[in-house]
Amino acid sequence: MEEHATHEPLLKKQEGFVFYDDCAGCKIEKLKQSDARIPYKNLTFVWIVTLCAALPISSLFPFLYFMIRDFHIAKREEDISFYAGCVGSSFMLGRALTSLIWGLVADKYGRKPIILFGTIIVVILNTLFGLSVNFWMAISTRFILGSLCGILGPMRAYASEICRKEHEALGMSVISTSWGIGLVIGPAVGGFLAQPAEKYPHIFSKESIFGRFPYFLPCLTISVFALVASIVSCWLPETLHTHHKENMKQDSGKAALEGNLNEPLKPHKIKGSEGNLPLNKTSILKNWPLLSAIMVYCIFQLHDMAYTEIFSLWAVSPRKLGGLSFTTSDVGGVLAITVVDLCHLPLLDRSGFGMLIFQLFVYTRVEKILGTVMVSRIGAVMSIPLLSSYPFIAGLSGLILLLVLNCASMLKNILSLSITTGLLVMQNRAVPQEQRGVANGISMSAMSLFKAVGPAAGGSLLSWAQLRQNAIFLPGVHMVFFILNVVEFIGLIMTFKPFLAVPEGKDSNLEFDPEMQRAADH
């Protein structure tokens, strides 16, 4: 009896699939098979960690114009936007160079180590960015932060792997919602906490560290949140399967023979993150549904990044240059759409709350009816006339300006998230689990490269447009938002056939090698 217990096999069979007791990924699969409920606890962890990755990207936009001005590197006021765009692009350039590497590492060693390392990197380098004393220190810390923070790609794979297939769209919605809220809360933190010695002199003196480093407080606040996220990451269960593929093949063959010796042998499928893991992998470079979804995704991300950079710089630019003459607090309030009560205290971020409700309850229902591609198309179509109205909004003033601008900003955020969520779902459905880290790494690298172009191109475009205020054709900022619409229209066209390839079936997934399947069928 004792001898039998000592030599108990390390694998178990459940519902025709093989599980290994010492494999973290198999434990998640067994849990998903036995419990059809939504994994709210793990999705909450995903939401927190994704928010940690998003906050450092957007928090600097409200004060970046003033930070570059304080560095005294720009010879003209019109050149500030150019240097600000370079700092904004440095993070994305670093991420573009390393995201594929982080994806490969995540596929080999697991999602959890990469996520934990990335959160710690945010704590260190985001703090150093707030202590920057010149342009080159700022651009260097941002570049290194982008290079070493490989959170988002593995987190996308992780979100789809902890959910059953019917909840996969919800997992991607949590990722995109948290990311979108981060792009909303980040500017609020940067806008309200930058230059605290000037805004809150009764709390922060000019001789304090926050007076000598006026942009340190928002960075420190986000770093503290990143420290909390790094602690939360310790409770993330690993989802990567760690058993050897040779054993998987042997055990799958045994399981098939034990089932029915009279039936033809078909490819045995080990239970995967939302279906089945293949024994033979299709080359990612030949996976056109994945590659086409990534390309369309990159176009829309280029547009969104350029929009965020342009909006922030346009809002703080003086009226004579076609801007709104906003302060950092004004920009942070508009980007976050923070509602202020009678005592002028910031209340709940209704934009972030609205996006959360939309993604968790509205988007999933609409996606089931219309499909992911159609939702993305509708979002792109509605964004074009919305952006065309921005130059005319600048002609307003006072309370009407704030109300209209807040509504436009909130609608733009919701439309962008709708587009992004659909494309992320398509990317993860196009590959099996064992390729998902690499696939998201490729997506992140390509997207980051496009996003690296976004701020630099947006800043340069705005600087050029501000020099042509009296032009006959699309003067000033009219040209800026026209070009943004051109990019959005290109993305819309790319969502149609023959460019965008969608796997057959609404919820289909490339689960195993087609050649292997054809051989089995014969």
Protein backbone atom coordinates (compact mmCIF):
# COMPACT_ATOMS: atom_id res chain seq x y z
CA MET A 1 0.00 0.00 0.00
CA GLU A 2 2.81 2.35 0.96
CA GLU A 3 4.82 1.35 -2.10
CA HIS A 4 1.86 2.14 -4.35
CA ALA A 5 1.49 5.58 -2.75
CA THR A 6 5.18 6.25 -3.15
CA HIS A 7 5.12 5.52 -6.86
CA GLU A 8 1.86 7.30 -7.61
CA PRO A 9 2.06 8.76 -11.12
CA LEU A 10 2.52 12.48 -11.49
CA LEU A 11 -0.25 12.78 -14.08
CA LYS A 12 -4.01 12.35 -13.85
CA LYS A 13 -6.72 12.09 -16.48
CA GLN A 14 -9.92 14.06 -16.26
CA GLU A 15 -12.60 14.24 -18.95
CA GLY A 16 -10.20 12.75 -21.53
CA PHE A 17 -7.34 15.19 -20.85
CA VAL A 18 -3.98 14.66 -19.18
CA PHE A 19 -3.02 16.79 -16.16
CA TYR A 20 0.24 16.92 -14.21
CA ASP A 21 0.13 17.45 -10.45
CA ASP A 22 3.39 19.43 -10.42
CA CYS A 23 2.39 21.76 -13.30
CA ALA A 24 0.97 25.18 -12.36
CA GLY A 25 -0.72 25.50 -15.74
CA CYS A 26 -2.50 22.16 -15.32
CA LYS A 27 -3.80 23.26 -11.92
CA ILE A 28 -5.38 26.32 -13.53
CA GLU A 29 -6.94 24.14 -16.25
CA LYS A 30 -8.42 21.72 -13.71
CA LEU A 31 -9.85 24.66 -11.79
CA LYS A 32 -11.39 26.11 -14.96
CA GLN A 33 -12.98 22.76 -15.83
CA SER A 34 -14.46 22.30 -12.36
CA ASP A 35 -15.59 25.92 -11.87
CA ALA A 36 -17.46 27.72 -14.65
CA ARG A 37 -17.67 30.98 -12.71
CA ILE A 38 -15.81 34.15 -13.68
CA PRO A 39 -12.45 34.32 -11.80
CA TYR A 40 -13.09 37.70 -10.21
CA LYS A 41 -10.16 37.54 -7.79
CA ASN A 42 -7.55 36.85 -10.47
CA LEU A 43 -9.11 39.42 -12.80
CA THR A 44 -8.84 41.98 -9.99
CA PHE A 45 -5.12 41.22 -9.74
CA VAL A 46 -4.87 41.61 -13.53
CA TRP A 47 -6.65 44.95 -13.32
CA ILE A 48 -4.25 46.30 -10.66
CA VAL A 49 -1.06 45.18 -12.41
CA THR A 50 -2.22 46.49 -15.80
CA LEU A 51 -3.06 49.83 -14.20
CA CYS A 52 0.49 49.91 -12.81
CA ALA A 53 1.83 49.50 -16.36
CA ALA A 54 -0.42 52.21 -17.80
CA LEU A 55 0.04 55.00 -15.25
CA PRO A 56 3.71 55.86 -16.03
CA ILE A 57 2.90 56.22 -19.74
CA SER A 58 0.26 58.92 -19.46
CA SER A 59 1.07 60.71 -16.19
CA LEU A 60 3.75 62.94 -17.71
CA PHE A 61 1.66 64.45 -20.53
CA PRO A 62 0.05 67.28 -18.50
CA PHE A 63 3.39 68.57 -17.16
CA LEU A 64 5.79 67.49 -19.93
CA TYR A 65 5.45 70.85 -21.71
CA PHE A 66 6.47 72.70 -18.55
CA MET A 67 9.23 70.22 -17.70
CA ILE A 68 10.86 70.76 -21.10
CA ARG A 69 10.45 74.52 -20.67
CA ASP A 70 12.24 74.33 -17.31
CA PHE A 71 15.11 72.38 -18.86
CA HIS A 72 15.77 75.42 -21.16
CA ILE A 73 16.69 73.20 -24.09
CA ALA A 74 14.18 74.70 -26.55
CA LYS A 75 15.36 77.92 -28.21
CA ARG A 76 11.82 78.95 -29.24
CA GLU A 77 8.47 78.40 -27.62
CA GLU A 78 7.29 76.57 -30.71
CA ASP A 79 10.13 74.02 -30.28
CA ILE A 80 8.96 72.84 -26.86
CA SER A 81 6.45 70.45 -28.41
CA PHE A 82 9.22 68.80 -30.46
CA TYR A 83 11.40 68.02 -27.43
CA ALA A 84 8.37 66.92 -25.44
CA GLY A 85 7.53 64.47 -28.22
CA CYS A 86 11.04 63.01 -28.05
CA VAL A 87 10.68 62.29 -24.34
CA GLY A 88 7.27 60.74 -24.92
CA SER A 89 8.63 58.54 -27.71
CA SER A 90 11.66 57.29 -25.77
CA PHE A 91 9.55 54.99 -23.58
CA MET A 92 7.85 53.39 -26.57
CA LEU A 93 11.11 53.02 -28.46
CA GLY A 94 12.62 51.10 -25.55
CA ARG A 95 9.55 48.89 -25.30
CA ALA A 96 9.57 48.22 -29.05
CA LEU A 97 13.13 46.89 -28.87
CA THR A 98 12.54 44.44 -26.01
CA SER A 99 8.88 43.32 -25.99
CA LEU A 100 9.54 40.30 -28.20
CA ILE A 101 12.36 39.23 -25.88
CA TRP A 102 10.09 39.51 -22.86
CA GLY A 103 7.47 37.45 -24.70
CA LEU A 104 9.99 34.70 -25.42
CA VAL A 105 11.15 34.68 -21.80
CA ALA A 106 7.54 34.55 -20.60
CA ASP A 107 6.85 31.53 -22.82
CA LYS A 108 9.90 29.74 -21.44
CA TYR A 109 9.98 30.69 -17.75
CA GLY A 110 6.41 31.80 -17.08
CA ARG A 111 4.28 34.95 -17.00
CA LYS A 112 4.60 35.65 -13.27
CA PRO A 113 8.41 36.34 -13.08
CA ILE A 114 8.21 38.86 -15.93
CA ILE A 115 5.22 40.62 -14.38
CA LEU A 116 6.87 40.81 -10.95
CA PHE A 117 10.14 42.13 -12.40
CA GLY A 118 8.32 44.74 -14.47
CA THR A 119 6.43 46.19 -11.50
CA ILE A 120 9.67 46.58 -9.54
CA ILE A 121 11.26 48.35 -12.52
CA VAL A 122 8.38 50.85 -12.54
CA VAL A 123 9.02 51.61 -8.86
CA ILE A 124 12.69 52.40 -9.47
CA LEU A 125 12.85 54.13 -12.85
CA ASN A 126 9.62 56.11 -12.62
CA THR A 127 10.94 57.61 -9.39
CA LEU A 128 14.22 58.53 -11.09
CA PHE A 129 12.33 60.21 -13.93
CA GLY A 130 10.65 62.52 -11.42
CA LEU A 131 14.12 63.52 -10.19
CA SER A 132 15.38 64.43 -13.68
CA VAL A 133 17.48 67.59 -13.76
CA ASN A 134 17.94 67.88 -17.53
CA PHE A 135 16.53 66.70 -20.84
CA TRP A 136 18.99 63.84 -21.29
CA MET A 137 18.31 62.34 -17.86
CA ALA A 138 14.58 62.46 -18.56
CA ILE A 139 14.84 60.81 -21.96
CA SER A 140 17.28 58.15 -20.66
CA THR A 141 15.17 57.09 -17.69
CA ARG A 142 12.09 56.84 -19.89
CA PHE A 143 13.94 54.74 -22.47
CA ILE A 144 15.29 52.32 -19.85
CA LEU A 145 11.88 52.09 -18.21
CA GLY A 146 10.31 51.12 -21.53
CA SER A 147 13.06 48.59 -22.22
CA LEU A 148 12.86 46.77 -18.88
CA CYS A 149 9.13 46.95 -18.20
CA GLY A 150 7.73 43.94 -20.06
CA ILE A 151 4.45 43.71 -18.16
CA LEU A 152 1.75 44.28 -20.73
CA GLY A 153 2.47 41.50 -23.25
CA PRO A 154 2.61 38.63 -20.72
CA MET A 155 -0.37 40.16 -18.89
CA ARG A 156 -2.49 39.96 -22.05
CA ALA A 157 -1.61 36.30 -22.42
CA TYR A 158 -2.26 35.75 -18.71
CA ALA A 159 -5.72 37.35 -18.81
CA SER A 160 -6.88 34.98 -21.54
CA GLU A 161 -5.33 31.92 -19.85
CA ILE A 162 -7.08 32.30 -16.49
CA CYS A 163 -10.52 32.54 -18.14
CA ARG A 164 -12.66 29.88 -19.74
CA LYS A 165 -13.26 30.40 -23.44
CA GLU A 166 -16.69 31.93 -22.89
CA HIS A 167 -15.13 34.54 -20.58
CA GLU A 168 -12.14 35.39 -22.80
CA ALA A 169 -13.67 38.63 -24.10
CA LEU A 170 -14.24 39.68 -20.49
CA GLY A 171 -10.58 39.02 -19.68
CA MET A 172 -9.48 41.21 -22.57
CA SER A 173 -12.02 43.83 -21.51
CA VAL A 174 -10.43 43.94 -18.06
CA ILE A 175 -7.04 44.53 -19.68
CA SER A 176 -8.22 47.28 -22.02
CA THR A 177 -10.43 48.88 -19.34
CA SER A 178 -7.62 49.00 -16.80
CA TRP A 179 -5.31 50.34 -19.50
CA GLY A 180 -7.83 52.97 -20.51
CA ILE A 181 -8.49 54.01 -16.92
CA GLY A 182 -4.73 54.26 -16.42
CA LEU A 183 -4.57 56.62 -19.39
CA VAL A 184 -7.29 58.64 -17.64
CA ILE A 185 -6.06 58.58 -14.03
CA GLY A 186 -2.43 59.09 -15.07
CA PRO A 187 -2.95 62.59 -16.47
CA ALA A 188 -5.05 63.46 -13.42
CA VAL A 189 -2.20 62.47 -11.10
CA GLY A 190 0.36 64.29 -13.25
CA GLY A 191 -1.80 67.37 -13.65
CA PHE A 192 -2.90 67.86 -10.05
CA LEU A 193 0.35 66.85 -8.31
CA ALA A 194 2.93 68.49 -10.60
CA GLN A 195 4.50 71.74 -9.32
CA PRO A 196 3.04 71.26 -5.81
CA ALA A 197 5.06 74.12 -4.29
CA GLU A 198 3.29 76.55 -6.63
CA LYS A 199 -0.18 75.05 -6.33
CA TYR A 200 -0.19 74.12 -2.66
CA PRO A 201 2.35 76.43 -0.96
CA HIS A 202 0.73 75.90 2.46
CA ILE A 203 1.66 72.20 2.24
CA PHE A 204 4.87 72.12 0.17
CA SER A 205 7.62 74.70 0.57
CA LYS A 206 9.94 75.73 -2.25
CA GLU A 207 12.92 74.53 -0.20
CA SER A 208 11.56 70.99 0.10
CA ILE A 209 12.40 68.19 -2.30
CA PHE A 210 9.04 68.72 -4.00
CA GLY A 211 9.89 72.38 -4.51
CA ARG A 212 13.33 71.64 -5.96
CA PHE A 213 11.94 68.82 -8.11
CA PRO A 214 8.49 70.10 -9.13
CA TYR A 215 7.57 66.95 -11.06
CA PHE A 216 8.68 64.41 -8.46
CA LEU A 217 5.44 64.12 -6.48
CA PRO A 218 3.27 62.59 -9.26
CA CYS A 219 6.04 60.15 -10.16
CA LEU A 220 6.51 59.16 -6.51
CA THR A 221 2.77 58.60 -6.12
CA ILE A 222 2.69 56.24 -9.09
CA SER A 223 5.82 54.45 -7.85
CA VAL A 224 4.12 53.78 -4.51
CA PHE A 225 1.15 52.27 -6.36
CA ALA A 226 3.60 50.18 -8.43
CA LEU A 227 5.07 48.88 -5.17
CA VAL A 228 1.59 47.75 -4.14
CA ALA A 229 1.17 46.09 -7.55
CA SER A 230 4.49 44.23 -7.13
CA ILE A 231 3.21 42.82 -3.82
CA VAL A 232 -0.08 41.83 -5.47
CA SER A 233 1.90 40.05 -8.21
CA CYS A 234 3.18 37.57 -5.63
CA TRP A 235 -0.36 36.13 -5.42
CA LEU A 236 -0.75 35.65 -9.16
CA PRO A 237 -1.00 31.93 -9.98
CA GLU A 238 1.25 30.84 -12.84
CA THR A 239 -0.57 29.68 -15.99
CA LEU A 240 2.30 28.35 -18.13
CA HIS A 241 2.52 24.57 -18.55
CA THR A 242 5.92 23.32 -17.39
CA HIS A 243 5.84 19.59 -18.28
CA HIS A 244 8.02 18.31 -21.08
CA LYS A 245 6.52 18.09 -24.55
CA GLU A 246 8.03 14.62 -25.08
CA ASN A 247 6.09 13.30 -22.13
CA MET A 248 2.99 15.09 -23.38
CA LYS A 249 3.24 13.24 -26.71
CA GLN A 250 3.76 9.87 -25.04
CA ASP A 251 0.92 10.35 -22.59
CA SER A 252 -1.41 11.68 -25.25
CA GLY A 253 -0.74 8.62 -27.38
CA LYS A 254 -1.39 6.30 -24.44
CA ALA A 255 -4.61 8.11 -23.61
CA ALA A 256 -5.81 7.78 -27.18
CA LEU A 257 -5.01 4.05 -27.34
CA GLU A 258 -6.67 3.43 -24.00
CA GLY A 259 -9.82 5.15 -25.20
CA ASN A 260 -10.67 2.93 -28.18
CA LEU A 261 -8.20 0.82 -30.12
CA ASN A 262 -10.61 0.41 -33.02
CA GLU A 263 -10.84 4.14 -33.77
CA PRO A 264 -8.24 5.90 -35.95
CA LEU A 265 -5.63 7.75 -33.93
CA LYS A 266 -6.24 11.51 -33.95
CA PRO A 267 -4.07 14.28 -32.49
CA HIS A 268 -4.57 14.11 -28.73
CA LYS A 269 -5.19 17.51 -27.24
CA ILE A 270 -3.87 18.54 -23.87
CA LYS A 271 -6.24 21.01 -22.24
CA GLY A 272 -5.10 24.58 -22.88
CA SER A 273 -5.95 28.03 -21.64
CA GLU A 274 -9.24 28.30 -23.47
CA GLY A 275 -9.33 25.11 -25.41
CA ASN A 276 -6.54 22.77 -26.44
CA LEU A 277 -2.80 23.00 -26.72
CA PRO A 278 -1.27 21.71 -29.96
CA LEU A 279 1.41 19.11 -30.22
CA ASN A 280 2.63 20.82 -33.40
CA LYS A 281 2.82 24.59 -33.59
CA THR A 282 1.93 26.62 -36.65
CA SER A 283 4.59 29.20 -37.44
CA ILE A 284 3.57 32.63 -36.17
CA LEU A 285 5.10 34.24 -39.24
CA LYS A 286 2.60 32.26 -41.37
CA ASN A 287 -0.35 33.06 -39.12
CA TRP A 288 -2.04 35.76 -41.18
CA PRO A 289 -5.05 36.21 -38.87
CA LEU A 290 -2.62 37.13 -36.10
CA LEU A 291 -0.33 39.30 -38.20
CA SER A 292 -3.17 41.21 -39.87
CA ALA A 293 -4.84 41.87 -36.50
CA ILE A 294 -1.51 43.18 -35.14
CA MET A 295 -1.04 45.53 -38.10
CA VAL A 296 -4.52 47.01 -37.75
CA TYR A 297 -3.99 47.30 -34.01
CA CYS A 298 -0.72 49.21 -34.56
CA ILE A 299 -2.39 51.78 -36.82
CA PHE A 300 -5.05 52.57 -34.22
CA GLN A 301 -2.45 52.67 -31.42
CA LEU A 302 -0.35 55.12 -33.45
CA HIS A 303 -3.42 57.31 -33.75
CA ASP A 304 -4.28 57.09 -30.03
CA MET A 305 -0.75 57.89 -28.88
CA ALA A 306 -0.42 60.83 -31.24
CA TYR A 307 -3.84 62.07 -30.12
CA THR A 308 -2.89 61.93 -26.42
CA GLU A 309 0.38 63.80 -27.03
CA ILE A 310 -1.24 66.40 -29.31
CA PHE A 311 -4.20 66.96 -27.03
CA SER A 312 -2.02 67.65 -23.98
CA LEU A 313 0.36 69.99 -25.83
CA TRP A 314 -2.49 71.73 -27.67
CA ALA A 315 -4.39 72.31 -24.43
CA VAL A 316 -1.47 74.02 -22.66
CA SER A 317 -0.39 76.02 -25.70
CA PRO A 318 -1.29 79.74 -25.64
CA ARG A 319 -4.42 80.99 -27.36
CA LYS A 320 -2.38 82.90 -29.90
CA LEU A 321 -1.06 79.57 -31.19
CA GLY A 322 -4.50 78.00 -31.37
CA GLY A 323 -4.33 76.32 -27.96
CA LEU A 324 -6.49 76.58 -24.88
CA SER A 325 -3.98 78.15 -22.43
CA PHE A 326 -4.75 75.47 -19.86
CA THR A 327 -2.66 74.80 -16.75
CA THR A 328 -1.39 71.33 -15.78
CA SER A 329 -4.39 70.95 -13.47
CA ASP A 330 -6.77 71.90 -16.27
CA VAL A 331 -5.28 69.30 -18.61
CA GLY A 332 -5.29 66.62 -15.94
CA GLY A 333 -8.91 67.40 -15.16
CA VAL A 334 -10.01 67.25 -18.79
CA LEU A 335 -8.10 64.07 -19.62
CA ALA A 336 -9.46 62.41 -16.49
CA ILE A 337 -12.80 64.25 -16.72
CA THR A 338 -12.77 64.69 -12.97
CA VAL A 339 -15.99 66.20 -11.67
CA VAL A 340 -15.62 68.90 -9.03
CA ASP A 341 -18.23 69.51 -6.36
CA LEU A 342 -19.21 72.79 -4.71
CA CYS A 343 -16.21 72.62 -2.39
CA HIS A 344 -13.91 72.17 -5.42
CA LEU A 345 -12.82 68.72 -4.25
CA PRO A 346 -12.26 66.07 -6.92
CA LEU A 347 -14.91 63.38 -6.79
CA LEU A 348 -15.12 59.97 -8.46
CA ASP A 349 -13.53 59.78 -11.85
CA ARG A 350 -16.73 59.31 -13.82
CA SER A 351 -14.89 58.81 -17.08
CA GLY A 352 -12.95 55.87 -15.68
CA PHE A 353 -16.05 54.50 -13.99
CA GLY A 354 -18.04 54.92 -17.19
CA MET A 355 -15.42 53.05 -19.21
CA LEU A 356 -15.38 50.25 -16.64
CA ILE A 357 -19.16 49.86 -16.81
CA PHE A 358 -19.13 50.05 -20.61
CA GLN A 359 -16.42 47.43 -21.05
CA LEU A 360 -17.68 44.96 -18.47
CA PHE A 361 -21.39 45.12 -19.25
CA VAL A 362 -22.09 46.92 -22.51
CA TYR A 363 -19.14 45.87 -24.67
CA THR A 364 -19.43 42.14 -23.98
CA ARG A 365 -23.12 42.18 -24.92
CA VAL A 366 -22.58 44.24 -28.08
CA GLU A 367 -19.61 42.08 -29.10
CA LYS A 368 -21.73 38.93 -28.93
CA ILE A 369 -24.33 40.51 -31.22
CA LEU A 370 -22.17 42.39 -33.74
CA GLY A 371 -18.79 40.65 -33.45
CA THR A 372 -15.40 42.10 -32.57
CA VAL A 373 -14.59 43.44 -36.03
CA MET A 374 -17.86 45.32 -36.45
CA VAL A 375 -17.51 46.94 -33.02
CA SER A 376 -14.05 48.19 -33.98
CA ARG A 377 -15.35 49.57 -37.27
CA ILE A 378 -18.18 51.44 -35.58
CA GLY A 379 -15.73 52.95 -33.10
CA ALA A 380 -13.48 54.18 -35.91
CA VAL A 381 -16.36 55.66 -37.90
CA MET A 382 -17.67 57.60 -34.91
CA SER A 383 -14.19 58.89 -33.99
CA ILE A 384 -13.69 60.77 -37.28
CA PRO A 385 -16.45 63.42 -36.92
CA LEU A 386 -15.67 63.70 -33.21
CA LEU A 387 -12.05 64.67 -33.88
CA SER A 388 -13.12 67.08 -36.61
CA SER A 389 -14.99 69.10 -33.99
CA TYR A 390 -11.96 69.73 -31.75
CA PRO A 391 -10.67 72.88 -33.53
CA PHE A 392 -14.14 74.40 -33.25
CA ILE A 393 -14.36 73.50 -29.56
CA ALA A 394 -11.32 75.75 -29.05
CA GLY A 395 -13.51 78.70 -29.96
CA LEU A 396 -15.60 78.16 -26.82
CA SER A 397 -14.76 79.49 -23.38
CA GLY A 398 -15.66 79.20 -19.74
CA LEU A 399 -17.95 76.49 -18.42
CA ILE A 400 -19.28 75.58 -21.86
CA LEU A 401 -15.74 74.83 -23.06
CA LEU A 402 -15.08 72.52 -20.11
CA LEU A 403 -18.38 70.68 -20.47
CA VAL A 404 -18.07 70.12 -24.22
CA LEU A 405 -14.40 69.19 -24.02
CA ASN A 406 -15.04 66.76 -21.15
CA CYS A 407 -17.85 65.02 -23.06
CA ALA A 408 -15.75 64.79 -26.22
CA SER A 409 -12.79 63.39 -24.30
CA MET A 410 -14.91 60.77 -22.54
CA LEU A 411 -16.52 59.64 -25.81
CA LYS A 412 -13.12 59.45 -27.50
CA ASN A 413 -11.80 57.22 -24.69
CA ILE A 414 -14.77 54.85 -24.94
CA LEU A 415 -14.46 54.57 -28.72
CA SER A 416 -10.72 53.91 -28.52
CA LEU A 417 -11.22 51.17 -25.93
CA SER A 418 -13.90 49.52 -28.08
CA ILE A 419 -11.52 49.37 -31.03
CA THR A 420 -8.61 48.08 -28.94
CA THR A 421 -10.54 45.37 -27.09
CA GLY A 422 -11.85 43.78 -30.26
CA LEU A 423 -8.40 43.60 -31.84
CA LEU A 424 -6.84 42.15 -28.68
CA VAL A 425 -9.46 39.40 -28.57
CA MET A 426 -8.70 38.55 -32.20
CA GLN A 427 -4.96 38.35 -31.53
CA ASN A 428 -5.31 35.96 -28.60
CA ARG A 429 -7.84 33.77 -30.40
CA ALA A 430 -5.49 33.38 -33.35
CA VAL A 431 -2.82 31.46 -31.39
CA PRO A 432 -2.64 28.62 -28.84
CA GLN A 433 -1.32 29.13 -25.32
CA GLU A 434 2.23 27.99 -25.97
CA GLN A 435 2.63 30.72 -28.61
CA ARG A 436 0.69 33.42 -26.80
CA GLY A 437 3.66 35.02 -25.03
CA VAL A 438 5.60 35.37 -28.28
CA ALA A 439 2.49 36.55 -30.13
CA ASN A 440 1.81 39.27 -27.57
CA GLY A 441 5.51 40.12 -27.56
CA ILE A 442 5.42 40.68 -31.32
CA SER A 443 2.25 42.73 -30.91
CA MET A 444 3.83 44.83 -28.16
CA SER A 445 7.05 45.40 -30.11
CA ALA A 446 5.21 46.47 -33.25
CA MET A 447 2.71 48.58 -31.32
CA SER A 448 5.46 50.24 -29.28
CA LEU A 449 7.38 51.07 -32.44
CA PHE A 450 4.29 52.80 -33.84
CA LYS A 451 3.66 54.49 -30.51
CA ALA A 452 7.25 55.68 -30.45
CA VAL A 453 6.54 57.48 -33.71
CA GLY A 454 3.27 58.87 -32.32
CA PRO A 455 4.51 61.41 -29.75
CA ALA A 456 7.47 62.59 -31.83
CA ALA A 457 5.34 62.92 -34.95
CA GLY A 458 2.50 64.52 -32.99
CA GLY A 459 4.76 67.04 -31.30
CA SER A 460 6.49 67.94 -34.56
CA LEU A 461 3.15 68.16 -36.36
CA LEU A 462 1.74 70.52 -33.75
CA SER A 463 4.86 72.70 -33.83
CA TRP A 464 4.61 72.96 -37.61
CA ALA A 465 0.87 73.65 -37.54
CA GLN A 466 1.29 76.44 -34.98
CA LEU A 467 3.57 78.24 -37.45
CA ARG A 468 0.84 78.36 -40.11
CA GLN A 469 -2.00 80.08 -38.27
CA ASN A 470 -2.95 82.19 -41.29
CA ALA A 471 -2.79 79.46 -43.95
CA ILE A 472 -5.70 79.28 -46.38
CA PHE A 473 -6.05 75.48 -46.34
CA LEU A 474 -6.62 73.95 -42.89
CA PRO A 475 -4.91 76.66 -40.83
CA GLY A 476 -3.30 75.91 -37.47
CA VAL A 477 -4.68 73.00 -35.47
CA HIS A 478 -7.25 72.20 -38.17
CA MET A 479 -4.42 70.51 -40.06
CA VAL A 480 -3.40 68.53 -36.97
CA PHE A 481 -6.80 66.96 -36.38
CA PHE A 482 -7.28 66.41 -40.12
CA ILE A 483 -4.11 64.28 -40.23
CA LEU A 484 -5.27 62.39 -37.14
CA ASN A 485 -8.48 61.59 -38.98
CA VAL A 486 -6.53 60.40 -42.01
CA VAL A 487 -4.71 57.87 -39.81
CA GLU A 488 -8.02 56.78 -38.25
CA PHE A 489 -9.55 56.32 -41.71
CA ILE A 490 -6.61 54.17 -42.82
CA GLY A 491 -7.17 51.96 -39.78
CA LEU A 492 -10.86 51.70 -40.65
CA ILE A 493 -10.13 50.61 -44.23
CA MET A 494 -7.72 47.94 -42.94
CA THR A 495 -10.49 46.25 -40.94
CA PHE A 496 -12.09 45.04 -44.19
CA LYS A 497 -11.20 42.08 -46.38
CA PRO A 498 -8.91 41.09 -47.93
CA PHE A 499 -6.47 42.78 -45.54
CA LEU A 500 -7.89 41.68 -42.17
CA ALA A 501 -8.21 37.89 -41.93
CA VAL A 502 -10.60 36.58 -39.29
CA PRO A 503 -10.43 32.90 -38.20
CA GLU A 504 -13.46 30.96 -39.43
CA GLY A 505 -16.30 30.94 -36.94
CA LYS A 506 -17.19 33.54 -34.38
CA ASP A 507 -15.12 32.03 -31.56
CA SER A 508 -12.72 29.94 -33.55
CA ASN A 509 -9.14 29.47 -32.51
CA LEU A 510 -6.06 28.10 -34.25
CA GLU A 511 -5.66 25.21 -31.80
CA PHE A 512 -3.40 22.85 -33.73
CA ASP A 513 -1.46 22.46 -36.92
CA PRO A 514 -3.82 22.13 -39.94
CA GLU A 515 -1.38 19.72 -41.60
CA MET A 516 -1.52 17.51 -38.54
CA GLN A 517 -5.30 17.60 -38.52
CA ARG A 518 -5.52 16.62 -42.20
CA ALA A 519 -3.16 13.72 -41.61
CA ALA A 520 -5.30 12.54 -38.70
CA ASP A 521 -8.50 12.79 -40.70
CA HIS A 522 -7.03 10.48 -43.36
